Amino acid sequence: MDAALQAQFESAAQAATSLPTRPDNETMLRLYALFKQAKSGDATGKRPGMFDMVGRAKYDAWAALQGTPRESAMRAYVELVESLK
């Protein structure tokens, strides 16, 4: 994995915690999904039940990125965080 990309990703992850305004829920889900895909790869585990709406939405957003290479997810995450600054 590219060390420069890894450093950019870590910096973007830090910046995401201190954005000037909180992004809308759809953007938050996108950030979550890209972060998980970059860190863990494809979604694993069981999909949360219907009473866990937040967990289910997060899982579904992550699962939608199935097959996306980690490096691509990192680049997309960095670009999204930069656009939110």
PDB file of N, CA and C in Angstrom:
ATOM      1  N   MET A   1       0.851  -1.183   0.000  1.00  0.00           N
ATOM      2  CA  MET A   1       0.000   0.000   0.000  1.00  0.00           C
ATOM      3  C   MET A   1       0.894   1.244   0.000  1.00  0.00           C
ATOM      4  N   ASP A   2       0.476   2.241  -0.708  1.00  0.00           N
ATOM      5  CA  ASP A   2       1.200   3.492  -0.854  1.00  0.00           C
ATOM      6  C   ASP A   2       1.240   4.237   0.485  1.00  0.00           C
ATOM      7  N   ALA A   3       2.442   4.524   0.973  1.00  0.00           N
ATOM      8  CA  ALA A   3       2.606   5.203   2.261  1.00  0.00           C
ATOM      9  C   ALA A   3       2.021   6.618   2.232  1.00  0.00           C
ATOM     10  N   ALA A   4       2.170   7.299   1.099  1.00  0.00           N
ATOM     11  CA  ALA A   4       1.639   8.661   0.986  1.00  0.00           C
ATOM     12  C   ALA A   4       0.116   8.646   1.059  1.00  0.00           C
ATOM     13  N   LEU A   5      -0.499   7.686   0.393  1.00  0.00           N
ATOM     14  CA  LEU A   5      -1.959   7.564   0.439  1.00  0.00           C
ATOM     15  C   LEU A   5      -2.420   7.241   1.857  1.00  0.00           C
ATOM     16  N   GLN A   6      -1.702   6.352   2.517  1.00  0.00           N
ATOM     17  CA  GLN A   6      -2.036   5.989   3.896  1.00  0.00           C
ATOM     18  C   GLN A   6      -1.975   7.224   4.802  1.00  0.00           C
ATOM     19  N   ALA A   7      -0.945   8.050   4.622  1.00  0.00           N
ATOM     20  CA  ALA A   7      -0.798   9.266   5.420  1.00  0.00           C
ATOM     21  C   ALA A   7      -1.931  10.245   5.136  1.00  0.00           C
ATOM     22  N   GLN A   8      -2.298  10.396   3.864  1.00  0.00           N
ATOM     23  CA  GLN A   8      -3.423  11.280   3.506  1.00  0.00           C
ATOM     24  C   GLN A   8      -4.714  10.785   4.142  1.00  0.00           C
ATOM     25  N   PHE A   9      -4.903   9.468   4.104  1.00  0.00           N
ATOM     26  CA  PHE A   9      -6.113   8.871   4.665  1.00  0.00           C
ATOM     27  C   PHE A   9      -6.192   9.126   6.168  1.00  0.00           C
ATOM     28  N   GLU A  10      -5.090   8.897   6.870  1.00  0.00           N
ATOM     29  CA  GLU A  10      -5.061   9.127   8.322  1.00  0.00           C
ATOM     30  C   GLU A  10      -5.327  10.590   8.643  1.00  0.00           C
ATOM     31  N   SER A  11      -4.756  11.488   7.853  1.00  0.00           N
ATOM     32  CA  SER A  11      -4.968  12.923   8.050  1.00  0.00           C
ATOM     33  C   SER A  11      -6.442  13.286   7.809  1.00  0.00           C
ATOM     34  N   ALA A  12      -7.026  12.709   6.757  1.00  0.00           N
ATOM     35  CA  ALA A  12      -8.434  12.976   6.453  1.00  0.00           C
ATOM     36  C   ALA A  12      -9.332  12.421   7.558  1.00  0.00           C
ATOM     37  N   ALA A  13      -8.992  11.259   8.094  1.00  0.00           N
ATOM     38  CA  ALA A  13      -9.789  10.681   9.180  1.00  0.00           C
ATOM     39  C   ALA A  13      -9.771  11.598  10.396  1.00  0.00           C
ATOM     40  N   GLN A  14      -8.616  12.185  10.673  1.00  0.00           N
ATOM     41  CA  GLN A  14      -8.500  13.134  11.790  1.00  0.00           C
ATOM     42  C   GLN A  14      -9.320  14.394  11.499  1.00  0.00           C
ATOM     43  N   ALA A  15      -9.221  14.886  10.267  1.00  0.00           N
ATOM     44  CA  ALA A  15      -9.949  16.101   9.874  1.00  0.00           C
ATOM     45  C   ALA A  15     -11.457  15.879   9.903  1.00  0.00           C
ATOM     46  N   ALA A  16     -11.896  14.667   9.616  1.00  0.00           N
ATOM     47  CA  ALA A  16     -13.335  14.373   9.585  1.00  0.00           C
ATOM     48  C   ALA A  16     -13.980  14.534  10.954  1.00  0.00           C
ATOM     49  N   THR A  17     -13.186  14.417  12.000  1.00  0.00           N
ATOM     50  CA  THR A  17     -13.750  14.554  13.349  1.00  0.00           C
ATOM     51  C   THR A  17     -13.944  16.012  13.753  1.00  0.00           C
ATOM     52  N   SER A  18     -13.373  16.933  12.969  1.00  0.00           N
ATOM     53  CA  SER A  18     -13.489  18.346  13.327  1.00  0.00           C
ATOM     54  C   SER A  18     -13.929  19.199  12.137  1.00  0.00           C
ATOM     55  N   LEU A  19     -14.892  18.707  11.397  1.00  0.00           N
ATOM     56  CA  LEU A  19     -15.427  19.479  10.270  1.00  0.00           C
ATOM     57  C   LEU A  19     -16.177  20.698  10.798  1.00  0.00           C
ATOM     58  N   PRO A  20     -16.202  21.795  10.033  1.00  0.00           N
ATOM     59  CA  PRO A  20     -16.873  23.014  10.498  1.00  0.00           C
ATOM     60  C   PRO A  20     -18.372  22.813  10.768  1.00  0.00           C
ATOM     61  N   THR A  21     -19.032  22.024   9.945  1.00  0.00           N
ATOM     62  CA  THR A  21     -20.444  21.713  10.168  1.00  0.00           C
ATOM     63  C   THR A  21     -20.644  20.215   9.999  1.00  0.00           C
ATOM     64  N   ARG A  22     -21.634  19.680  10.706  1.00  0.00           N
ATOM     65  CA  ARG A  22     -21.919  18.247  10.609  1.00  0.00           C
ATOM     66  C   ARG A  22     -22.588  17.977   9.265  1.00  0.00           C
ATOM     67  N   PRO A  23     -22.037  17.023   8.491  1.00  0.00           N
ATOM     68  CA  PRO A  23     -22.659  16.686   7.208  1.00  0.00           C
ATOM     69  C   PRO A  23     -24.039  16.050   7.393  1.00  0.00           C
ATOM     70  N   ASP A  24     -24.829  16.030   6.329  1.00  0.00           N
ATOM     71  CA  ASP A  24     -26.142  15.387   6.388  1.00  0.00           C
ATOM     72  C   ASP A  24     -25.955  13.879   6.569  1.00  0.00           C
ATOM     73  N   ASN A  25     -27.034  13.201   6.917  1.00  0.00           N
ATOM     74  CA  ASN A  25     -26.962  11.770   7.223  1.00  0.00           C
ATOM     75  C   ASN A  25     -26.444  10.927   6.065  1.00  0.00           C
ATOM     76  N   GLU A  26     -26.838  11.264   4.846  1.00  0.00           N
ATOM     77  CA  GLU A  26     -26.388  10.502   3.684  1.00  0.00           C
ATOM     78  C   GLU A  26     -24.870  10.618   3.517  1.00  0.00           C
ATOM     79  N   THR A  27     -24.342  11.811   3.714  1.00  0.00           N
ATOM     80  CA  THR A  27     -22.896  12.021   3.624  1.00  0.00           C
ATOM     81  C   THR A  27     -22.180  11.310   4.761  1.00  0.00           C
ATOM     82  N   MET A  28     -22.771  11.337   5.952  1.00  0.00           N
ATOM     83  CA  MET A  28     -22.183  10.630   7.091  1.00  0.00           C
ATOM     84  C   MET A  28     -22.105   9.127   6.802  1.00  0.00           C
ATOM     85  N   LEU A  29     -23.145   8.574   6.202  1.00  0.00           N
ATOM     86  CA  LEU A  29     -23.130   7.159   5.843  1.00  0.00           C
ATOM     87  C   LEU A  29     -22.048   6.875   4.802  1.00  0.00           C
ATOM     88  N   ARG A  30     -21.888   7.767   3.868  1.00  0.00           N
ATOM     89  CA  ARG A  30     -20.858   7.601   2.835  1.00  0.00           C
ATOM     90  C   ARG A  30     -19.462   7.633   3.468  1.00  0.00           C
ATOM     91  N   LEU A  31     -19.247   8.566   4.390  1.00  0.00           N
ATOM     92  CA  LEU A  31     -17.973   8.637   5.103  1.00  0.00           C
ATOM     93  C   LEU A  31     -17.709   7.341   5.861  1.00  0.00           C
ATOM     94  N   TYR A  32     -18.720   6.875   6.569  1.00  0.00           N
ATOM     95  CA  TYR A  32     -18.594   5.637   7.342  1.00  0.00           C
ATOM     96  C   TYR A  32     -18.238   4.462   6.435  1.00  0.00           C
ATOM     97  N   ALA A  33     -18.983   4.323   5.352  1.00  0.00           N
ATOM     98  CA  ALA A  33     -18.794   3.188   4.455  1.00  0.00           C
ATOM     99  C   ALA A  33     -17.405   3.208   3.811  1.00  0.00           C
ATOM    100  N   LEU A  34     -16.972   4.370   3.360  1.00  0.00           N
ATOM    101  CA  LEU A  34     -15.655   4.472   2.748  1.00  0.00           C
ATOM    102  C   LEU A  34     -14.549   4.179   3.762  1.00  0.00           C
ATOM    103  N   PHE A  35     -14.720   4.677   4.989  1.00  0.00           N
ATOM    104  CA  PHE A  35     -13.733   4.425   6.037  1.00  0.00           C
ATOM    105  C   PHE A  35     -13.636   2.931   6.338  1.00  0.00           C
ATOM    106  N   LYS A  36     -14.789   2.286   6.521  1.00  0.00           N
ATOM    107  CA  LYS A  36     -14.798   0.849   6.822  1.00  0.00           C
ATOM    108  C   LYS A  36     -14.212   0.035   5.672  1.00  0.00           C
ATOM    109  N   GLN A  37     -14.549   0.391   4.448  1.00  0.00           N
ATOM    110  CA  GLN A  37     -14.030  -0.336   3.288  1.00  0.00           C
ATOM    111  C   GLN A  37     -12.509  -0.178   3.212  1.00  0.00           C
ATOM    112  N   ALA A  38     -12.027   1.037   3.486  1.00  0.00           N
ATOM    113  CA  ALA A  38     -10.593   1.297   3.434  1.00  0.00           C
ATOM    114  C   ALA A  38      -9.852   0.554   4.542  1.00  0.00           C
ATOM    115  N   LYS A  39     -10.430   0.493   5.726  1.00  0.00           N
ATOM    116  CA  LYS A  39      -9.772  -0.131   6.864  1.00  0.00           C
ATOM    117  C   LYS A  39      -9.959  -1.645   6.915  1.00  0.00           C
ATOM    118  N   SER A  40     -11.162  -2.132   6.582  1.00  0.00           N
ATOM    119  CA  SER A  40     -11.491  -3.540   6.810  1.00  0.00           C
ATOM    120  C   SER A  40     -11.781  -4.335   5.550  1.00  0.00           C
ATOM    121  N   GLY A  41     -11.933  -3.682   4.424  1.00  0.00           N
ATOM    122  CA  GLY A  41     -12.300  -4.396   3.205  1.00  0.00           C
ATOM    123  C   GLY A  41     -13.811  -4.606   3.147  1.00  0.00           C
ATOM    124  N   ASP A  42     -14.226  -5.636   2.434  1.00  0.00           N
ATOM    125  CA  ASP A  42     -15.660  -5.893   2.242  1.00  0.00           C
ATOM    126  C   ASP A  42     -16.385  -6.144   3.558  1.00  0.00           C
ATOM    127  N   ALA A  43     -17.666  -5.788   3.574  1.00  0.00           N
ATOM    128  CA  ALA A  43     -18.509  -5.946   4.766  1.00  0.00           C
ATOM    129  C   ALA A  43     -18.549  -7.400   5.204  1.00  0.00           C
ATOM    130  N   THR A  44     -18.498  -7.583   6.511  1.00  0.00           N
ATOM    131  CA  THR A  44     -18.547  -8.922   7.093  1.00  0.00           C
ATOM    132  C   THR A  44     -19.620  -8.962   8.169  1.00  0.00           C
ATOM    133  N   GLY A  45     -19.954 -10.154   8.598  1.00  0.00           N
ATOM    134  CA  GLY A  45     -20.934 -10.299   9.659  1.00  0.00           C
ATOM    135  C   GLY A  45     -22.349 -10.265   9.137  1.00  0.00           C
ATOM    136  N   LYS A  46     -23.268 -10.434  10.070  1.00  0.00           N
ATOM    137  CA  LYS A  46     -24.684 -10.439   9.714  1.00  0.00           C
ATOM    138  C   LYS A  46     -25.218  -9.018   9.635  1.00  0.00           C
ATOM    139  N   ARG A  47     -26.172  -8.836   8.765  1.00  0.00           N
ATOM    140  CA  ARG A  47     -26.857  -7.552   8.653  1.00  0.00           C
ATOM    141  C   ARG A  47     -27.705  -7.366   9.910  1.00  0.00           C
ATOM    142  N   PRO A  48     -27.631  -6.193  10.562  1.00  0.00           N
ATOM    143  CA  PRO A  48     -28.428  -5.955  11.761  1.00  0.00           C
ATOM    144  C   PRO A  48     -29.926  -6.096  11.481  1.00  0.00           C
ATOM    145  N   GLY A  49     -30.660  -6.426  12.514  1.00  0.00           N
ATOM    146  CA  GLY A  49     -32.103  -6.616  12.398  1.00  0.00           C
ATOM    147  C   GLY A  49     -32.844  -5.321  12.125  1.00  0.00           C
ATOM    148  N   MET A  50     -34.131  -5.459  11.817  1.00  0.00           N
ATOM    149  CA  MET A  50     -34.903  -4.280  11.406  1.00  0.00           C
ATOM    150  C   MET A  50     -35.136  -3.279  12.531  1.00  0.00           C
ATOM    151  N   PHE A  51     -34.922  -3.680  13.778  1.00  0.00           N
ATOM    152  CA  PHE A  51     -35.110  -2.739  14.887  1.00  0.00           C
ATOM    153  C   PHE A  51     -33.857  -1.900  15.143  1.00  0.00           C
ATOM    154  N   ASP A  52     -32.758  -2.280  14.538  1.00  0.00           N
ATOM    155  CA  ASP A  52     -31.518  -1.505  14.632  1.00  0.00           C
ATOM    156  C   ASP A  52     -31.355  -0.731  13.326  1.00  0.00           C
ATOM    157  N   MET A  53     -32.135   0.333  13.188  1.00  0.00           N
ATOM    158  CA  MET A  53     -32.170   1.068  11.930  1.00  0.00           C
ATOM    159  C   MET A  53     -30.839   1.738  11.596  1.00  0.00           C
ATOM    160  N   VAL A  54     -30.181   2.287  12.592  1.00  0.00           N
ATOM    161  CA  VAL A  54     -28.899   2.954  12.347  1.00  0.00           C
ATOM    162  C   VAL A  54     -27.848   1.927  11.936  1.00  0.00           C
ATOM    163  N   GLY A  55     -27.747   0.851  12.676  1.00  0.00           N
ATOM    164  CA  GLY A  55     -26.792  -0.202  12.354  1.00  0.00           C
ATOM    165  C   GLY A  55     -27.043  -0.799  10.986  1.00  0.00           C
ATOM    166  N   ARG A  56     -28.304  -0.963  10.661  1.00  0.00           N
ATOM    167  CA  ARG A  56     -28.682  -1.528   9.366  1.00  0.00           C
ATOM    168  C   ARG A  56     -28.293  -0.586   8.228  1.00  0.00           C
ATOM    169  N   ALA A  57     -28.542   0.713   8.410  1.00  0.00           N
ATOM    170  CA  ALA A  57     -28.185   1.702   7.386  1.00  0.00           C
ATOM    171  C   ALA A  57     -26.672   1.743   7.186  1.00  0.00           C
ATOM    172  N   LYS A  58     -25.920   1.685   8.284  1.00  0.00           N
ATOM    173  CA  LYS A  58     -24.469   1.695   8.193  1.00  0.00           C
ATOM    174  C   LYS A  58     -23.964   0.441   7.481  1.00  0.00           C
ATOM    175  N   TYR A  59     -24.503  -0.703   7.837  1.00  0.00           N
ATOM    176  CA  TYR A  59     -24.104  -1.957   7.209  1.00  0.00           C
ATOM    177  C   TYR A  59     -24.421  -1.944   5.713  1.00  0.00           C
ATOM    178  N   ASP A  60     -25.619  -1.483   5.375  1.00  0.00           N
ATOM    179  CA  ASP A  60     -26.026  -1.434   3.966  1.00  0.00           C
ATOM    180  C   ASP A  60     -25.125  -0.505   3.150  1.00  0.00           C
ATOM    181  N   ALA A  61     -24.756   0.643   3.729  1.00  0.00           N
ATOM    182  CA  ALA A  61     -23.871   1.584   3.028  1.00  0.00           C
ATOM    183  C   ALA A  61     -22.509   0.942   2.796  1.00  0.00           C
ATOM    184  N   TRP A  62     -22.015   0.228   3.794  1.00  0.00           N
ATOM    185  CA  TRP A  62     -20.719  -0.440   3.667  1.00  0.00           C
ATOM    186  C   TRP A  62     -20.800  -1.586   2.661  1.00  0.00           C
ATOM    187  N   ALA A  63     -21.857  -2.382   2.744  1.00  0.00           N
ATOM    188  CA  ALA A  63     -22.024  -3.530   1.848  1.00  0.00           C
ATOM    189  C   ALA A  63     -22.169  -3.076   0.391  1.00  0.00           C
ATOM    190  N   ALA A  64     -22.665  -1.875   0.165  1.00  0.00           N
ATOM    191  CA  ALA A  64     -22.822  -1.352  -1.199  1.00  0.00           C
ATOM    192  C   ALA A  64     -21.470  -1.144  -1.877  1.00  0.00           C
ATOM    193  N   LEU A  65     -20.404  -1.079  -1.096  1.00  0.00           N
ATOM    194  CA  LEU A  65     -19.063  -0.889  -1.642  1.00  0.00           C
ATOM    195  C   LEU A  65     -18.336  -2.212  -1.866  1.00  0.00           C
ATOM    196  N   GLN A  66     -19.060  -3.319  -1.769  1.00  0.00           N
ATOM    197  CA  GLN A  66     -18.489  -4.658  -1.953  1.00  0.00           C
ATOM    198  C   GLN A  66     -17.609  -4.711  -3.204  1.00  0.00           C
ATOM    199  N   GLY A  67     -16.392  -5.192  -3.047  1.00  0.00           N
ATOM    200  CA  GLY A  67     -15.483  -5.334  -4.188  1.00  0.00           C
ATOM    201  C   GLY A  67     -14.643  -4.105  -4.488  1.00  0.00           C
ATOM    202  N   THR A  68     -14.901  -2.992  -3.806  1.00  0.00           N
ATOM    203  CA  THR A  68     -14.102  -1.785  -4.017  1.00  0.00           C
ATOM    204  C   THR A  68     -12.731  -1.989  -3.377  1.00  0.00           C
ATOM    205  N   PRO A  69     -11.657  -1.800  -4.129  1.00  0.00           N
ATOM    206  CA  PRO A  69     -10.325  -1.945  -3.540  1.00  0.00           C
ATOM    207  C   PRO A  69     -10.097  -0.941  -2.404  1.00  0.00           C
ATOM    208  N   ARG A  70      -9.326  -1.332  -1.426  1.00  0.00           N
ATOM    209  CA  ARG A  70      -9.070  -0.458  -0.270  1.00  0.00           C
ATOM    210  C   ARG A  70      -8.462   0.879  -0.687  1.00  0.00           C
ATOM    211  N   GLU A  71      -7.535   0.842  -1.637  1.00  0.00           N
ATOM    212  CA  GLU A  71      -6.888   2.079  -2.086  1.00  0.00           C
ATOM    213  C   GLU A  71      -7.896   3.034  -2.715  1.00  0.00           C
ATOM    214  N   SER A  72      -8.827   2.496  -3.483  1.00  0.00           N
ATOM    215  CA  SER A  72      -9.872   3.333  -4.093  1.00  0.00           C
ATOM    216  C   SER A  72     -10.767   3.942  -3.028  1.00  0.00           C
ATOM    217  N   ALA A  73     -11.097   3.163  -2.016  1.00  0.00           N
ATOM    218  CA  ALA A  73     -11.922   3.670  -0.916  1.00  0.00           C
ATOM    219  C   ALA A  73     -11.182   4.764  -0.158  1.00  0.00           C
ATOM    220  N   MET A  74      -9.884   4.572   0.039  1.00  0.00           N
ATOM    221  CA  MET A  74      -9.089   5.606   0.726  1.00  0.00           C
ATOM    222  C   MET A  74      -9.093   6.908  -0.066  1.00  0.00           C
ATOM    223  N   ARG A  75      -8.849   6.803  -1.380  1.00  0.00           N
ATOM    224  CA  ARG A  75      -8.838   8.010  -2.213  1.00  0.00           C
ATOM    225  C   ARG A  75     -10.186   8.724  -2.173  1.00  0.00           C
ATOM    226  N   ALA A  76     -11.273   7.961  -2.297  1.00  0.00           N
ATOM    227  CA  ALA A  76     -12.622   8.549  -2.277  1.00  0.00           C
ATOM    228  C   ALA A  76     -12.909   9.202  -0.931  1.00  0.00           C
ATOM    229  N   TYR A  77     -12.451   8.568   0.150  1.00  0.00           N
ATOM    230  CA  TYR A  77     -12.652   9.121   1.502  1.00  0.00           C
ATOM    231  C   TYR A  77     -11.915  10.456   1.635  1.00  0.00           C
ATOM    232  N   VAL A  78     -10.650  10.477   1.206  1.00  0.00           N
ATOM    233  CA  VAL A  78      -9.854  11.713   1.283  1.00  0.00           C
ATOM    234  C   VAL A  78     -10.526  12.821   0.480  1.00  0.00           C
ATOM    235  N   GLU A  79     -10.981  12.500  -0.734  1.00  0.00           N
ATOM    236  CA  GLU A  79     -11.638  13.506  -1.579  1.00  0.00           C
ATOM    237  C   GLU A  79     -12.925  14.023  -0.938  1.00  0.00           C
ATOM    238  N   LEU A  80     -13.703  13.120  -0.346  1.00  0.00           N
ATOM    239  CA  LEU A  80     -14.964  13.529   0.286  1.00  0.00           C
ATOM    240  C   LEU A  80     -14.692  14.437   1.489  1.00  0.00           C
ATOM    241  N   VAL A  81     -13.736  14.074   2.318  1.00  0.00           N
ATOM    242  CA  VAL A  81     -13.419  14.906   3.485  1.00  0.00           C
ATOM    243  C   VAL A  81     -12.925  16.279   3.031  1.00  0.00           C
ATOM    244  N   GLU A  82     -12.081  16.304   2.009  1.00  0.00           N
ATOM    245  CA  GLU A  82     -11.576  17.585   1.491  1.00  0.00           C
ATOM    246  C   GLU A  82     -12.725  18.462   0.988  1.00  0.00           C
ATOM    247  N   SER A  83     -13.714  17.850   0.360  1.00  0.00           N
ATOM    248  CA  SER A  83     -14.845  18.633  -0.164  1.00  0.00           C
ATOM    249  C   SER A  83     -15.737  19.176   0.956  1.00  0.00           C
ATOM    250  N   LEU A  84     -15.644  18.598   2.136  1.00  0.00           N
ATOM    251  CA  LEU A  84     -16.478  19.027   3.264  1.00  0.00           C
ATOM    252  C   LEU A  84     -15.817  20.083   4.129  1.00  0.00           C
ATOM    253  N   LYS A  85     -14.536  20.334   3.920  1.00  0.00           N
ATOM    254  CA  LYS A  85     -13.816  21.331   4.730  1.00  0.00           C
ATOM    255  C   LYS A  85     -14.261  22.725   4.405  1.00  0.00           C
TER     256      LYS A  85
END
